[in-house]
């Protein structure tokens, strides 16, 4: 695959991720945990079919004998899938996406703590600036009397993503395990996460209120907004350098806020624009410098 085609596909991935907010705003009756349940269920069904076609019946034996990193990664995916969609129902799309955008910086911090990676000064500065942007958003929401619940729930997404991608890098660094066998395939963890998310939210989703129209939209989210881009980004991680994936992943914020503005009339608040500018500016500066002087940063990965 050429670099140009890989980059174009990564833009497509972010475009697919970004539709969640605007699509959820057109639901008739489904809300809260029910939205998360149906999206995760359709995601799990799509991944089951796709991974079975890709890997054959051995997929299920592989899942049954998966090592702890696969299940831990699956749990992280479950938190990401669940918290993202729940946050979308509690606060604005812009708040959720800007909060999630700090994921690459939290990942860099976690790799420093858990994997002893050295962080350049520019990354520490970016963490401080992005943290200031998020704090500004929190402070303005508190002063205006708005609920912080949605933004706090959204914060669980980059935290889980940071743990997830730290685990993936830890596994990826080892060509073989201690007993000499091939390193663990982590792709089934995405399916585990989807199944866990659906199972955990099922009790809280009942009684179901989703209309046929809602189910169609939630199926669209599960298949098009999650399953397809998740599979694509795993493939693209072998073609594009990690800083470039992180930089292109920031387009999700731009696309998502624009969709919500144009498709649902959800204009970002001034505090979100100010805080978001700090977060995105810090991230773009950090990733551009990383491209000029590679340091092995992690990809942003799917944050929704």
Protein backbone atom coordinates (compact mmCIF):
# COMPACT_ATOMS: atom_id res chain seq x y z
CA UNK A 1 0.00 0.00 0.00
CA UNK A 2 1.39 3.40 -0.97
CA UNK A 3 1.83 6.08 1.68
CA UNK A 4 -0.64 8.36 -0.10
CA UNK A 5 -3.34 5.67 -0.12
CA UNK A 6 -2.70 4.82 3.54
CA UNK A 7 -3.01 8.49 4.53
CA UNK A 8 -6.22 8.84 2.52
CA UNK A 9 -7.68 5.77 4.24
CA UNK A 10 -6.74 7.21 7.64
CA UNK A 11 -8.66 10.37 6.78
CA UNK A 12 -11.60 8.12 5.87
CA UNK A 13 -11.27 6.39 9.26
CA UNK A 14 -11.53 9.70 11.13
CA UNK A 15 -14.47 10.72 8.95
CA UNK A 16 -16.31 7.51 9.88
CA UNK A 17 -15.52 7.94 13.58
CA UNK A 18 -16.80 11.51 13.50
CA UNK A 19 -20.42 10.75 12.54
CA UNK A 20 -21.43 9.44 15.99
CA UNK A 21 -22.48 12.78 17.42
CA UNK A 22 -24.64 14.01 14.56
CA UNK A 23 -26.29 10.60 14.04
CA UNK A 24 -27.14 10.27 17.74
CA UNK A 25 -28.85 13.67 17.66
CA UNK A 26 -31.43 12.26 15.20
CA UNK A 27 -32.60 9.38 17.41
CA UNK A 28 -36.32 9.37 18.23
CA UNK A 29 -36.57 7.71 21.63
CA UNK A 30 -33.41 5.78 22.51
CA UNK A 31 -31.15 7.48 25.05
CA UNK A 32 -28.43 6.85 27.61
CA UNK A 33 -27.39 3.25 28.15
CA UNK A 34 -29.80 1.93 25.52
CA UNK A 35 -27.93 3.85 22.83
CA UNK A 36 -24.65 2.36 24.02
CA UNK A 37 -26.10 -1.15 24.19
CA UNK A 38 -27.45 -1.22 20.64
CA UNK A 39 -24.35 0.38 19.11
CA UNK A 40 -22.07 -2.07 20.91
CA UNK A 41 -24.28 -5.03 20.00
CA UNK A 42 -24.29 -4.16 16.29
CA UNK A 43 -20.53 -3.54 16.52
CA UNK A 44 -19.99 -6.97 18.08
CA UNK A 45 -22.11 -8.69 15.43
CA UNK A 46 -20.25 -6.96 12.59
CA UNK A 47 -16.84 -7.74 14.10
CA UNK A 48 -17.83 -11.38 14.67
CA UNK A 49 -18.64 -11.79 11.00
CA UNK A 50 -15.64 -9.84 9.73
CA UNK A 51 -13.05 -11.51 11.98
CA UNK A 52 -14.46 -14.98 11.32
CA UNK A 53 -14.10 -14.34 7.57
CA UNK A 54 -10.57 -13.00 8.07
CA UNK A 55 -9.28 -15.56 10.57
CA UNK A 56 -11.61 -18.53 10.16
CA UNK A 57 -13.07 -20.70 12.95
CA UNK A 58 -9.76 -20.46 14.78
CA UNK A 59 -10.81 -17.02 15.98
CA UNK A 60 -13.03 -18.48 18.68
CA UNK A 61 -10.37 -20.89 19.91
CA UNK A 62 -7.97 -17.94 20.00
CA UNK A 63 -10.43 -15.95 22.11
CA UNK A 64 -10.94 -18.82 24.54
CA UNK A 65 -7.18 -19.13 25.09
CA UNK A 66 -6.30 -15.45 24.99
CA UNK A 67 -3.68 -14.17 27.40
CA UNK A 68 -4.33 -11.42 29.94
CA UNK A 69 -3.23 -8.52 27.67
CA UNK A 70 -6.03 -9.37 25.22
CA UNK A 71 -8.66 -9.34 27.94
CA UNK A 72 -7.27 -6.19 29.55
CA UNK A 73 -7.27 -4.48 26.16
CA UNK A 74 -10.82 -5.74 25.62
CA UNK A 75 -11.88 -4.19 28.92
CA UNK A 76 -10.32 -0.88 27.84
CA UNK A 77 -12.18 -1.04 24.52
CA UNK A 78 -15.41 -1.69 26.44
CA UNK A 79 -14.87 1.44 28.57
CA UNK A 80 -14.11 3.48 25.45
CA UNK A 81 -17.19 2.26 23.58
CA UNK A 82 -19.46 2.74 26.60
CA UNK A 83 -18.21 6.06 27.95
CA UNK A 84 -18.10 7.75 24.56
CA UNK A 85 -21.70 7.08 23.59
CA UNK A 86 -22.97 7.80 27.12
CA UNK A 87 -21.09 11.12 27.18
CA UNK A 88 -22.63 12.10 23.82
CA UNK A 89 -26.09 11.80 25.42
CA UNK A 90 -25.05 13.96 28.40
CA UNK A 91 -23.18 16.90 26.88
CA UNK A 92 -22.34 18.52 23.56
CA UNK A 93 -20.48 16.71 20.82
CA UNK A 94 -17.77 19.37 20.86
CA UNK A 95 -17.11 18.92 24.59
CA UNK A 96 -16.80 15.16 24.19
CA UNK A 97 -14.47 15.30 21.19
CA UNK A 98 -12.20 17.99 22.64
CA UNK A 99 -11.92 16.05 25.90
CA UNK A 100 -11.08 12.87 23.98
CA UNK A 101 -8.44 14.68 21.94
CA UNK A 102 -5.99 14.64 24.85
CA UNK A 103 -5.70 10.85 24.43
CA UNK A 104 -2.30 10.85 22.64
CA UNK A 105 -0.77 13.01 25.38
CA UNK A 106 -2.15 10.84 28.19
CA UNK A 107 -0.81 7.81 26.31
CA UNK A 108 2.62 9.41 26.14
CA UNK A 109 2.46 10.07 29.88
CA UNK A 110 1.40 6.49 30.66
CA UNK A 111 4.19 5.02 28.54
CA UNK A 112 6.58 7.15 30.58
CA UNK A 113 5.14 5.81 33.84
CA UNK A 114 4.63 2.15 32.92
CA UNK A 115 7.17 1.51 30.14
CA UNK A 116 9.85 4.02 31.19
CA UNK A 117 9.79 5.82 27.86
CA UNK A 118 11.53 9.17 27.93
CA UNK A 119 9.33 12.08 26.91
CA UNK A 120 10.82 15.09 25.09
CA UNK A 121 10.31 18.54 26.56
CA UNK A 122 7.84 19.43 23.80
CA UNK A 123 5.51 16.62 24.91
CA UNK A 124 5.61 17.73 28.55
CA UNK A 125 4.79 21.27 27.39
CA UNK A 126 1.94 19.97 25.21
CA UNK A 127 0.51 18.04 28.18
CA UNK A 128 0.50 21.21 30.30
CA UNK A 129 -1.10 23.34 27.56
CA UNK A 130 -3.75 20.73 26.72
CA UNK A 131 -4.50 20.23 30.42
CA UNK A 132 -4.99 23.98 30.72
CA UNK A 133 -7.49 23.86 27.85
CA UNK A 134 -9.50 21.08 29.49
CA UNK A 135 -9.38 22.87 32.86
CA UNK A 136 -10.68 26.03 31.18
CA UNK A 137 -13.63 24.12 29.74
CA UNK A 138 -14.41 22.57 33.13
CA UNK A 139 -14.17 25.94 34.88
CA UNK A 140 -16.44 27.73 32.42
CA UNK A 141 -19.03 24.95 32.58
CA UNK A 142 -19.01 25.07 36.37
CA UNK A 143 -19.46 28.85 36.39
CA UNK A 144 -22.35 28.66 33.95
CA UNK A 145 -24.12 26.07 36.07
CA UNK A 146 -23.91 23.37 33.41
CA UNK A 147 -23.53 19.75 34.45
CA UNK A 148 -19.99 18.44 34.27
CA UNK A 149 -21.15 14.83 34.19
CA UNK A 150 -20.92 14.42 30.42
CA UNK A 151 -17.43 15.88 30.19
CA UNK A 152 -16.22 13.79 33.13
CA UNK A 153 -17.65 10.64 31.53
CA UNK A 154 -15.94 11.59 28.27
CA UNK A 155 -12.64 11.82 30.16
CA UNK A 156 -12.85 8.06 30.74
CA UNK A 157 -12.35 7.53 26.99
CA UNK A 158 -8.80 8.96 26.65
CA UNK A 159 -7.82 7.40 30.00
CA UNK A 160 -8.93 3.94 28.86
CA UNK A 161 -7.39 4.52 25.43
CA UNK A 162 -4.06 5.45 27.04
CA UNK A 163 -4.03 2.23 29.08
CA UNK A 164 -5.08 0.29 26.00
CA UNK A 165 -2.40 1.59 23.67
CA UNK A 166 0.26 1.32 26.38
CA UNK A 167 -0.67 -2.36 26.65
CA UNK A 168 -0.61 -2.75 22.86
CA UNK A 169 2.84 -1.22 22.68
CA UNK A 170 4.08 -3.43 25.50
CA UNK A 171 2.89 -6.50 23.59
CA UNK A 172 4.09 -5.19 20.24
CA UNK A 173 7.64 -4.64 21.52
CA UNK A 174 8.07 -8.38 22.08
CA UNK A 175 8.51 -10.45 18.93
CA UNK A 176 8.01 -13.61 20.96
CA UNK A 177 6.68 -14.46 24.41
CA UNK A 178 8.80 -15.86 27.24
CA UNK A 179 8.24 -19.45 26.07
CA UNK A 180 9.29 -18.66 22.51
CA UNK A 181 5.83 -18.62 20.91
CA UNK A 182 4.64 -15.85 18.62
CA UNK A 183 3.44 -12.70 20.28
CA UNK A 184 -0.24 -12.37 21.07
CA UNK A 185 -2.60 -11.12 18.35
CA UNK A 186 -4.50 -8.20 19.86
CA UNK A 187 -7.15 -7.69 17.18
CA UNK A 188 -9.75 -9.97 18.91
CA UNK A 189 -9.63 -7.57 21.89
CA UNK A 190 -11.81 -5.17 19.89
CA UNK A 191 -14.49 -7.86 19.64
CA UNK A 192 -14.17 -8.62 23.36
CA UNK A 193 -14.65 -4.94 24.12
CA UNK A 194 -17.80 -4.72 22.01
CA UNK A 195 -19.30 -7.82 23.66
CA UNK A 196 -18.44 -6.58 27.17
CA UNK A 197 -19.91 -3.15 26.45
CA UNK A 198 -23.17 -4.66 25.20
CA UNK A 199 -23.39 -7.09 28.13
CA UNK A 200 -22.64 -4.47 30.80
CA UNK A 201 -25.14 -1.93 29.48
CA UNK A 202 -27.97 -4.40 28.77
CA UNK A 203 -29.44 -4.35 32.32
CA UNK A 204 -29.46 -0.53 32.36
CA UNK A 205 -30.84 -0.29 28.81
CA UNK A 206 -34.08 -2.05 29.71
CA UNK A 207 -36.95 -1.34 29.07
CA UNK A 208 -36.12 -0.70 25.43
CA UNK A 209 -37.61 2.42 23.84
CA UNK A 210 -35.75 2.50 20.51
CA UNK A 211 -37.92 2.79 17.43
CA UNK A 212 -37.23 1.02 14.15
CA UNK A 213 -35.74 4.30 12.94
CA UNK A 214 -33.45 4.38 15.98
CA UNK A 215 -32.31 0.80 15.43
CA UNK A 216 -31.38 1.62 11.85
CA UNK A 217 -29.24 4.56 12.97
CA UNK A 218 -27.63 2.58 15.79
CA UNK A 219 -26.84 -0.28 13.38
CA UNK A 220 -25.19 2.33 11.15
CA UNK A 221 -23.06 3.48 14.09
CA UNK A 222 -22.14 -0.05 15.16
CA UNK A 223 -21.04 -1.16 11.70
CA UNK A 224 -19.91 1.99 9.86
CA UNK A 225 -18.78 4.21 12.72
CA UNK A 226 -17.04 1.49 14.80
CA UNK A 227 -16.43 -1.91 13.22
CA UNK A 228 -15.12 -0.82 9.82
CA UNK A 229 -12.76 1.96 11.02
CA UNK A 230 -11.47 -0.20 13.90
CA UNK A 231 -10.41 -2.89 11.44
CA UNK A 232 -8.96 -0.31 9.05
CA UNK A 233 -6.86 1.47 11.64
CA UNK A 234 -5.28 -1.80 12.80
CA UNK A 235 -4.20 -2.44 9.21
CA UNK A 236 -3.00 1.14 8.70
CA UNK A 237 -0.85 1.00 11.84
CA UNK A 238 1.51 -1.18 9.77
CA UNK A 239 1.78 1.44 7.01
CA UNK A 240 1.88 4.87 8.68
CA UNK A 241 4.28 6.17 11.35
CA UNK A 242 2.67 6.57 14.75
CA UNK A 243 2.96 10.39 14.95
CA UNK A 244 1.27 10.70 11.56
CA UNK A 245 -1.64 8.50 12.68
CA UNK A 246 -1.99 10.65 15.81
CA UNK A 247 -1.97 13.85 13.77
CA UNK A 248 -4.51 12.58 11.22
CA UNK A 249 -6.66 11.25 14.08
CA UNK A 250 -7.20 14.83 15.25
CA UNK A 251 -9.41 15.34 12.21
CA UNK A 252 -12.12 13.47 14.13
CA UNK A 253 -12.54 16.55 16.35
CA UNK A 254 -12.81 18.89 13.37
CA UNK A 255 -15.15 16.60 11.43
CA UNK A 256 -17.29 15.73 14.47
CA UNK A 257 -17.84 19.31 15.62
CA UNK A 258 -18.61 20.38 12.04
CA UNK A 259 -21.16 17.56 11.54
CA UNK A 260 -22.90 18.42 14.81
CA UNK A 261 -22.98 22.11 13.88
CA UNK A 262 -24.28 21.62 10.33
CA UNK A 263 -26.38 18.50 10.83
CA UNK A 264 -27.86 19.08 14.28
CA UNK A 265 -27.57 22.84 14.85
CA UNK A 266 -25.24 22.29 17.83
CA UNK A 267 -23.00 25.33 17.83
CA UNK A 268 -19.93 24.99 20.09
CA UNK A 269 -19.84 27.22 23.16
CA UNK A 270 -17.18 29.91 23.42
CA UNK A 271 -15.50 28.04 26.30
CA UNK A 272 -15.30 24.90 24.16
CA UNK A 273 -13.76 26.80 21.25
CA UNK A 274 -11.17 28.41 23.54
CA UNK A 275 -10.31 25.22 25.39
CA UNK A 276 -10.40 23.20 22.18
CA UNK A 277 -8.01 25.59 20.49
CA UNK A 278 -5.50 25.08 23.30
CA UNK A 279 -5.87 21.29 23.18
CA UNK A 280 -5.66 20.99 19.38
CA UNK A 281 -2.87 23.56 19.12
CA UNK A 282 -0.78 21.64 21.67
CA UNK A 283 -1.44 18.33 19.92
CA UNK A 284 -0.73 19.60 16.41
CA UNK A 285 2.52 21.29 17.50
CA UNK A 286 3.65 18.16 19.34
CA UNK A 287 2.84 15.79 16.46
CA UNK A 288 4.33 18.02 13.74
CA UNK A 289 7.57 18.23 15.71
CA UNK A 290 7.42 14.45 16.16
CA UNK A 291 7.19 14.01 12.38
CA UNK A 292 10.20 16.26 11.91
CA UNK A 293 12.12 14.43 14.63
CA UNK A 294 10.55 10.97 15.25
CA UNK A 295 10.47 9.81 18.86
CA UNK A 296 8.28 6.71 18.67
CA UNK A 297 5.09 8.23 19.98
CA UNK A 298 1.98 6.05 20.00
CA UNK A 299 -0.92 6.40 17.61
CA UNK A 300 -4.05 8.08 18.82
CA UNK A 301 -6.11 5.08 17.85
CA UNK A 302 -9.94 4.78 17.75
CA UNK A 303 -11.16 7.01 20.84
CA UNK A 304 -14.80 6.23 20.26
